[in-house]
């Protein structure tokens, strides 16, 4: 990077629109709004032990933001020495060393904090991104597929008669909205089930529990949240299954699949299949055209359900890993 033409500085709240623009240019199918970016940072700031460092690269001539980078620790994979790295550069400014300069600053910060591991998500359709990861010493790791369901052609009929069978076995189906979206008991039920099921979700790194306040702020009170589209299964008074949909704040014709989980002792009874079918049926009847979801390649049960519904993979992300050996 030419220091006379480009400079790197800390992120400022006025940079959110630029972060959004650069992100959309890189991958327009990721439906995250400016407001959502801002809110997530505000909520994460409530946990000062979780790093969320953000940098931007801008032109020296007119202070235009042309690159963005972050070093962060996510709640679900939190480890004091492990960090996620994200580096994006506007297409018109790539090949000038801006991404490498941002990455160098972020790796330096991780090392200064005693970091042991860096993770970076790489879009497999981006050859430049793969070269960047390889050049900086990252090795390919876990794969996540982003898939889409066209609701116009999806067959959502209950061909197996699952609903009557499950109800005959004592299960009751409902929604978060019907149970009371502001009811503290229901909110804690959703939290407890999500934390229990999340332990079994394949991920890079180790599972780390999320505090209830964080879960409530980022999931239940998010602008993405749709209480009427969170489908629940109860056995007696116990919540045993959930499958949720969320607003896509960029695409009006699309909903995003949130979290699907079933208590371990109730798995194998196709409860998740019925919940996801109900969610897709809701989206179709509400006039949406697509559902989008992301799944780890090792999460075979959910992948099988999605394939039966008709989801088609459209994007592949690979999480690459780099071990930070102590410098001599």
Protein backbone atom coordinates (compact mmCIF):
# COMPACT_ATOMS: atom_id res chain seq x y z
CA UNK A 1 0.00 0.00 0.00
CA UNK A 2 1.26 3.49 -0.86
CA UNK A 3 1.17 5.54 2.39
CA UNK A 4 1.07 8.75 0.36
CA UNK A 5 -2.20 7.67 -1.27
CA UNK A 6 -3.93 5.56 1.39
CA UNK A 7 -4.03 5.59 5.17
CA UNK A 8 -5.40 3.23 7.82
CA UNK A 9 -7.27 4.57 10.83
CA UNK A 10 -9.68 3.33 13.54
CA UNK A 11 -13.33 2.85 12.56
CA UNK A 12 -15.71 5.72 13.36
CA UNK A 13 -19.54 5.52 13.61
CA UNK A 14 -19.78 7.63 10.46
CA UNK A 15 -18.17 4.70 8.60
CA UNK A 16 -21.16 2.34 8.90
CA UNK A 17 -22.60 3.25 5.48
CA UNK A 18 -19.20 2.63 3.88
CA UNK A 19 -18.86 -0.72 5.70
CA UNK A 20 -22.29 -1.67 4.39
CA UNK A 21 -21.46 -0.59 0.81
CA UNK A 22 -18.20 -2.53 0.76
CA UNK A 23 -19.91 -5.62 2.18
CA UNK A 24 -22.73 -5.52 -0.37
CA UNK A 25 -20.23 -5.06 -3.21
CA UNK A 26 -18.37 -8.14 -1.99
CA UNK A 27 -21.46 -10.31 -1.43
CA UNK A 28 -24.91 -8.84 -2.22
CA UNK A 29 -26.71 -11.96 -0.93
CA UNK A 30 -25.79 -11.17 2.69
CA UNK A 31 -28.80 -9.20 3.91
CA UNK A 32 -27.37 -7.04 6.71
CA UNK A 33 -28.43 -3.40 6.98
CA UNK A 34 -26.54 -0.37 8.29
CA UNK A 35 -28.82 -0.33 11.33
CA UNK A 36 -28.11 -3.98 12.04
CA UNK A 37 -24.34 -3.45 11.83
CA UNK A 38 -24.59 -0.57 14.25
CA UNK A 39 -26.85 -2.40 16.70
CA UNK A 40 -24.65 -5.49 16.79
CA UNK A 41 -21.62 -3.38 17.69
CA UNK A 42 -23.57 -1.58 20.41
CA UNK A 43 -24.71 -4.86 21.96
CA UNK A 44 -21.29 -6.51 21.73
CA UNK A 45 -19.74 -3.48 23.44
CA UNK A 46 -21.56 -4.57 26.61
CA UNK A 47 -18.98 -7.36 26.91
CA UNK A 48 -15.67 -5.51 27.12
CA UNK A 49 -13.67 -8.75 27.33
CA UNK A 50 -14.84 -9.64 23.80
CA UNK A 51 -12.63 -7.75 21.33
CA UNK A 52 -14.31 -5.94 18.43
CA UNK A 53 -11.59 -3.91 16.72
CA UNK A 54 -12.47 -2.29 13.40
CA UNK A 55 -10.21 -0.41 10.98
CA UNK A 56 -10.77 1.36 7.69
CA UNK A 57 -8.47 2.31 4.82
CA UNK A 58 -9.19 5.63 3.14
CA UNK A 59 -7.78 7.72 0.34
CA UNK A 60 -5.41 10.49 1.40
CA UNK A 61 -6.80 12.78 -1.27
CA UNK A 62 -10.49 12.85 -0.39
CA UNK A 63 -10.85 10.59 2.70
CA UNK A 64 -13.00 8.07 0.83
CA UNK A 65 -13.24 4.74 2.68
CA UNK A 66 -12.01 2.01 0.32
CA UNK A 67 -11.29 -0.85 2.71
CA UNK A 68 -12.58 -2.33 5.94
CA UNK A 69 -11.10 -4.78 8.42
CA UNK A 70 -12.09 -6.24 11.77
CA UNK A 71 -10.64 -8.42 14.51
CA UNK A 72 -13.32 -9.85 16.78
CA UNK A 73 -14.38 -12.56 19.19
CA UNK A 74 -17.85 -14.04 18.75
CA UNK A 75 -19.94 -15.14 21.71
CA UNK A 76 -20.64 -18.66 20.48
CA UNK A 77 -16.95 -19.43 19.84
CA UNK A 78 -15.34 -17.13 22.40
CA UNK A 79 -11.79 -17.95 23.45
CA UNK A 80 -9.47 -15.29 24.88
CA UNK A 81 -6.69 -16.13 22.41
CA UNK A 82 -8.71 -16.83 19.25
CA UNK A 83 -10.00 -14.21 16.82
CA UNK A 84 -12.05 -13.83 13.66
CA UNK A 85 -10.52 -11.65 10.93
CA UNK A 86 -12.47 -9.91 8.19
CA UNK A 87 -10.85 -7.84 5.41
CA UNK A 88 -12.70 -6.30 2.47
CA UNK A 89 -11.55 -3.83 -0.18
CA UNK A 90 -13.62 -2.08 -2.85
CA UNK A 91 -13.13 -3.84 -6.18
CA UNK A 92 -11.80 -0.73 -7.89
CA UNK A 93 -8.99 -0.48 -5.31
CA UNK A 94 -7.88 -4.10 -5.08
CA UNK A 95 -4.36 -5.15 -6.01
CA UNK A 96 -2.75 -2.13 -4.34
CA UNK A 97 -1.78 -3.77 -1.03
CA UNK A 98 -4.65 -2.21 0.93
CA UNK A 99 -6.04 -5.56 2.11
CA UNK A 100 -2.59 -6.77 3.14
CA UNK A 101 -1.96 -3.57 5.07
CA UNK A 102 -5.26 -3.92 6.93
CA UNK A 103 -4.56 -7.58 7.65
CA UNK A 104 -1.04 -6.84 8.88
CA UNK A 105 -2.39 -4.30 11.36
CA UNK A 106 -5.03 -6.75 12.61
CA UNK A 107 -2.61 -9.66 12.95
CA UNK A 108 -0.22 -7.39 14.81
CA UNK A 109 -2.97 -6.51 17.27
CA UNK A 110 -3.82 -10.19 17.77
CA UNK A 111 -0.18 -11.02 18.45
CA UNK A 112 0.14 -8.11 20.87
CA UNK A 113 -2.79 -9.56 22.81
CA UNK A 114 -1.23 -13.01 22.97
CA UNK A 115 -3.44 -14.47 20.26
CA UNK A 116 -2.91 -18.08 19.23
CA UNK A 117 -5.38 -18.57 16.35
CA UNK A 118 -6.97 -16.53 13.57
CA UNK A 119 -10.00 -17.53 11.50
CA UNK A 120 -11.06 -15.92 8.25
CA UNK A 121 -14.15 -16.78 6.15
CA UNK A 122 -13.39 -17.12 2.43
CA UNK A 123 -15.97 -17.09 -0.36
CA UNK A 124 -15.02 -19.98 -2.63
CA UNK A 125 -16.31 -18.07 -5.66
CA UNK A 126 -13.72 -15.35 -5.00
CA UNK A 127 -10.37 -16.52 -6.39
CA UNK A 128 -8.71 -13.38 -5.05
CA UNK A 129 -9.93 -14.15 -1.54
CA UNK A 130 -8.52 -17.67 -1.69
CA UNK A 131 -5.16 -16.34 -2.88
CA UNK A 132 -5.19 -13.76 -0.08
CA UNK A 133 -5.79 -16.40 2.59
CA UNK A 134 -3.09 -18.67 1.17
CA UNK A 135 -0.59 -15.82 0.89
CA UNK A 136 -1.03 -14.92 4.54
CA UNK A 137 -0.62 -18.46 5.80
CA UNK A 138 -4.21 -19.63 6.33
CA UNK A 139 -5.15 -23.27 5.81
CA UNK A 140 -8.63 -24.31 4.58
CA UNK A 141 -10.90 -25.70 7.28
CA UNK A 142 -14.65 -26.02 7.71
CA UNK A 143 -17.19 -25.49 4.92
CA UNK A 144 -20.53 -23.70 5.21
CA UNK A 145 -23.08 -23.79 2.41
CA UNK A 146 -25.52 -20.94 1.87
CA UNK A 147 -28.65 -22.36 0.24
CA UNK A 148 -31.88 -20.95 -1.17
CA UNK A 149 -35.39 -22.35 -1.42
CA UNK A 150 -37.70 -21.07 -4.16
CA UNK A 151 -41.06 -21.13 -2.42
CA UNK A 152 -42.97 -20.99 -5.71
CA UNK A 153 -41.86 -24.50 -6.67
CA UNK A 154 -41.42 -26.04 -3.21
CA UNK A 155 -43.71 -28.94 -2.28
CA UNK A 156 -44.65 -28.17 1.32
CA UNK A 157 -47.47 -30.66 1.78
CA UNK A 158 -47.34 -32.88 4.86
CA UNK A 159 -47.10 -36.04 2.75
CA UNK A 160 -46.03 -38.18 5.70
CA UNK A 161 -48.83 -36.93 7.93
CA UNK A 162 -46.25 -35.83 10.48
CA UNK A 163 -48.37 -33.21 12.21
CA UNK A 164 -51.24 -35.57 13.19
CA UNK A 165 -48.78 -38.28 14.28
CA UNK A 166 -46.75 -35.89 16.44
CA UNK A 167 -49.84 -34.32 17.95
CA UNK A 168 -51.18 -37.79 18.73
CA UNK A 169 -47.90 -38.42 20.57
CA UNK A 170 -48.63 -35.43 22.82
CA UNK A 171 -46.78 -32.62 21.05
CA UNK A 172 -48.34 -29.20 20.63
CA UNK A 173 -47.28 -26.79 17.90
CA UNK A 174 -47.37 -23.04 18.36
CA UNK A 175 -45.45 -19.82 17.63
CA UNK A 176 -43.50 -17.43 19.79
CA UNK A 177 -46.09 -14.77 19.05
CA UNK A 178 -48.98 -17.00 20.16
CA UNK A 179 -47.19 -17.96 23.38
CA UNK A 180 -46.40 -14.33 24.20
CA UNK A 181 -43.45 -12.58 22.59
CA UNK A 182 -42.94 -10.38 25.67
CA UNK A 183 -43.52 -13.13 28.22
CA UNK A 184 -40.28 -13.54 30.26
CA UNK A 185 -40.99 -17.26 30.75
CA UNK A 186 -41.23 -17.86 27.00
CA UNK A 187 -38.09 -15.80 26.35
CA UNK A 188 -36.14 -17.88 28.85
CA UNK A 189 -37.51 -21.08 27.30
CA UNK A 190 -36.21 -19.96 23.91
CA UNK A 191 -32.84 -19.06 25.44
CA UNK A 192 -32.46 -22.34 27.36
CA UNK A 193 -33.35 -24.44 24.31
CA UNK A 194 -31.01 -22.51 22.03
CA UNK A 195 -28.07 -22.91 24.41
CA UNK A 196 -28.77 -26.62 24.93
CA UNK A 197 -29.03 -27.35 21.21
CA UNK A 198 -26.15 -25.06 20.22
CA UNK A 199 -23.72 -27.31 22.08
CA UNK A 200 -24.28 -29.93 19.38
CA UNK A 201 -24.09 -27.60 16.36
CA UNK A 202 -20.88 -28.21 14.36
CA UNK A 203 -18.63 -25.16 14.45
CA UNK A 204 -15.02 -24.13 14.22
CA UNK A 205 -13.66 -23.66 17.70
CA UNK A 206 -15.37 -24.69 20.93
CA UNK A 207 -18.91 -23.86 22.02
CA UNK A 208 -19.18 -20.93 24.42
CA UNK A 209 -22.50 -20.05 26.09
CA UNK A 210 -24.09 -16.68 25.36
CA UNK A 211 -25.40 -14.63 28.31
CA UNK A 212 -29.19 -14.29 28.34
CA UNK A 213 -29.02 -10.49 28.03
CA UNK A 214 -26.90 -10.81 24.90
CA UNK A 215 -29.20 -13.43 23.38
CA UNK A 216 -32.25 -11.31 24.13
CA UNK A 217 -30.75 -8.17 22.61
CA UNK A 218 -29.33 -9.77 19.46
CA UNK A 219 -32.01 -12.39 18.77
CA UNK A 220 -35.30 -11.58 20.46
CA UNK A 221 -35.18 -7.80 20.21
CA UNK A 222 -33.36 -7.55 16.89
CA UNK A 223 -34.97 -5.68 14.03
CA UNK A 224 -34.75 -9.04 12.20
CA UNK A 225 -36.97 -10.81 14.73
CA UNK A 226 -40.40 -12.06 13.62
CA UNK A 227 -42.31 -13.54 16.60
CA UNK A 228 -45.05 -14.77 14.27
CA UNK A 229 -42.45 -16.78 12.31
CA UNK A 230 -40.77 -18.58 15.21
CA UNK A 231 -42.33 -22.05 15.26
CA UNK A 232 -42.37 -24.02 18.49
CA UNK A 233 -43.05 -27.58 19.61
CA UNK A 234 -44.10 -28.29 23.21
CA UNK A 235 -44.36 -31.53 25.16
CA UNK A 236 -46.53 -30.69 28.12
CA UNK A 237 -45.23 -27.36 29.32
CA UNK A 238 -41.69 -27.96 28.08
CA UNK A 239 -40.38 -26.34 24.90
CA UNK A 240 -38.70 -29.15 22.97
CA UNK A 241 -38.25 -27.75 19.46
CA UNK A 242 -37.87 -24.47 17.59
CA UNK A 243 -37.37 -23.28 14.02
CA UNK A 244 -37.27 -19.56 13.29
CA UNK A 245 -37.34 -17.19 10.34
CA UNK A 246 -35.88 -13.67 10.27
CA UNK A 247 -36.33 -10.60 8.12
CA UNK A 248 -33.81 -9.99 5.39
CA UNK A 249 -33.31 -6.26 5.69
CA UNK A 250 -32.06 -5.89 2.13
CA UNK A 251 -34.30 -8.14 0.02
CA UNK A 252 -38.05 -7.71 0.44
CA UNK A 253 -38.81 -11.07 -1.22
CA UNK A 254 -36.58 -13.14 1.08
CA UNK A 255 -36.61 -14.41 4.67
CA UNK A 256 -33.58 -15.88 6.38
CA UNK A 257 -33.71 -19.10 8.37
CA UNK A 258 -32.57 -18.45 11.92
CA UNK A 259 -32.10 -21.29 14.39
CA UNK A 260 -33.53 -24.81 14.34
CA UNK A 261 -33.07 -27.16 17.27
CA UNK A 262 -34.73 -30.02 19.15
CA UNK A 263 -33.97 -31.29 22.64
CA UNK A 264 -31.71 -34.38 22.42
CA UNK A 265 -34.24 -36.77 23.94
CA UNK A 266 -36.85 -35.76 21.33
CA UNK A 267 -34.64 -36.08 18.26
CA UNK A 268 -35.29 -38.70 15.60
CA UNK A 269 -39.05 -38.08 15.59
CA UNK A 270 -39.00 -35.59 12.68
CA UNK A 271 -40.04 -32.67 14.88
CA UNK A 272 -37.50 -30.41 13.17
CA UNK A 273 -38.82 -31.45 9.75
CA UNK A 274 -42.36 -30.45 10.71
CA UNK A 275 -41.25 -27.16 12.24
CA UNK A 276 -39.23 -26.22 9.15
CA UNK A 277 -42.11 -27.22 6.87
CA UNK A 278 -44.43 -24.94 8.84
CA UNK A 279 -41.92 -22.11 8.61
CA UNK A 280 -41.61 -22.48 4.83
CA UNK A 281 -45.38 -22.68 4.48
CA UNK A 282 -45.75 -19.47 6.49
CA UNK A 283 -43.23 -17.66 4.28
CA UNK A 284 -44.93 -18.81 1.08
CA UNK A 285 -48.41 -17.87 2.29
CA UNK A 286 -47.12 -14.47 3.45
CA UNK A 287 -45.98 -13.71 -0.11
CA UNK A 288 -42.24 -14.26 0.18
CA UNK A 289 -40.44 -15.91 -2.72
CA UNK A 290 -37.25 -17.25 -1.14
CA UNK A 291 -35.82 -18.66 2.05
CA UNK A 292 -32.07 -18.49 2.62
CA UNK A 293 -30.09 -20.55 5.10
CA UNK A 294 -26.50 -21.40 5.98
CA UNK A 295 -25.39 -24.84 7.16
CA UNK A 296 -22.10 -26.34 8.27
CA UNK A 297 -21.11 -29.26 6.05
CA UNK A 298 -20.96 -31.52 9.12
CA UNK A 299 -24.53 -30.77 10.23
CA UNK A 300 -25.98 -33.68 8.28
CA UNK A 301 -29.41 -33.89 10.00
CA UNK A 302 -30.32 -30.29 9.11
CA UNK A 303 -28.76 -30.59 5.65
CA UNK A 304 -30.94 -33.64 4.97
CA UNK A 305 -34.10 -31.77 6.03
CA UNK A 306 -33.22 -28.79 3.85
CA UNK A 307 -32.55 -30.99 0.82
CA UNK A 308 -35.92 -32.70 1.23
CA UNK A 309 -37.60 -29.29 1.29
CA UNK A 310 -35.77 -28.32 -1.90
CA UNK A 311 -33.01 -25.95 -0.76
CA UNK A 312 -30.27 -25.53 -3.38
CA UNK A 313 -26.71 -24.49 -2.51
CA UNK A 314 -25.75 -21.17 -4.09
CA UNK A 315 -22.68 -20.09 -2.13
CA UNK A 316 -19.81 -21.85 -0.36
CA UNK A 317 -17.80 -20.35 2.48
CA UNK A 318 -14.65 -21.97 3.85
CA UNK A 319 -13.37 -20.97 7.27
CA UNK A 320 -9.58 -20.86 7.05
CA UNK A 321 -7.34 -21.05 10.10
CA UNK A 322 -3.89 -19.73 10.96
CA UNK A 323 -1.88 -20.60 14.05
CA UNK A 324 0.13 -17.68 15.38
CA UNK A 325 3.50 -19.07 16.32
CA UNK A 326 5.51 -16.84 18.70
CA UNK A 327 7.90 -14.60 16.80
CA UNK A 328 11.57 -15.00 17.66
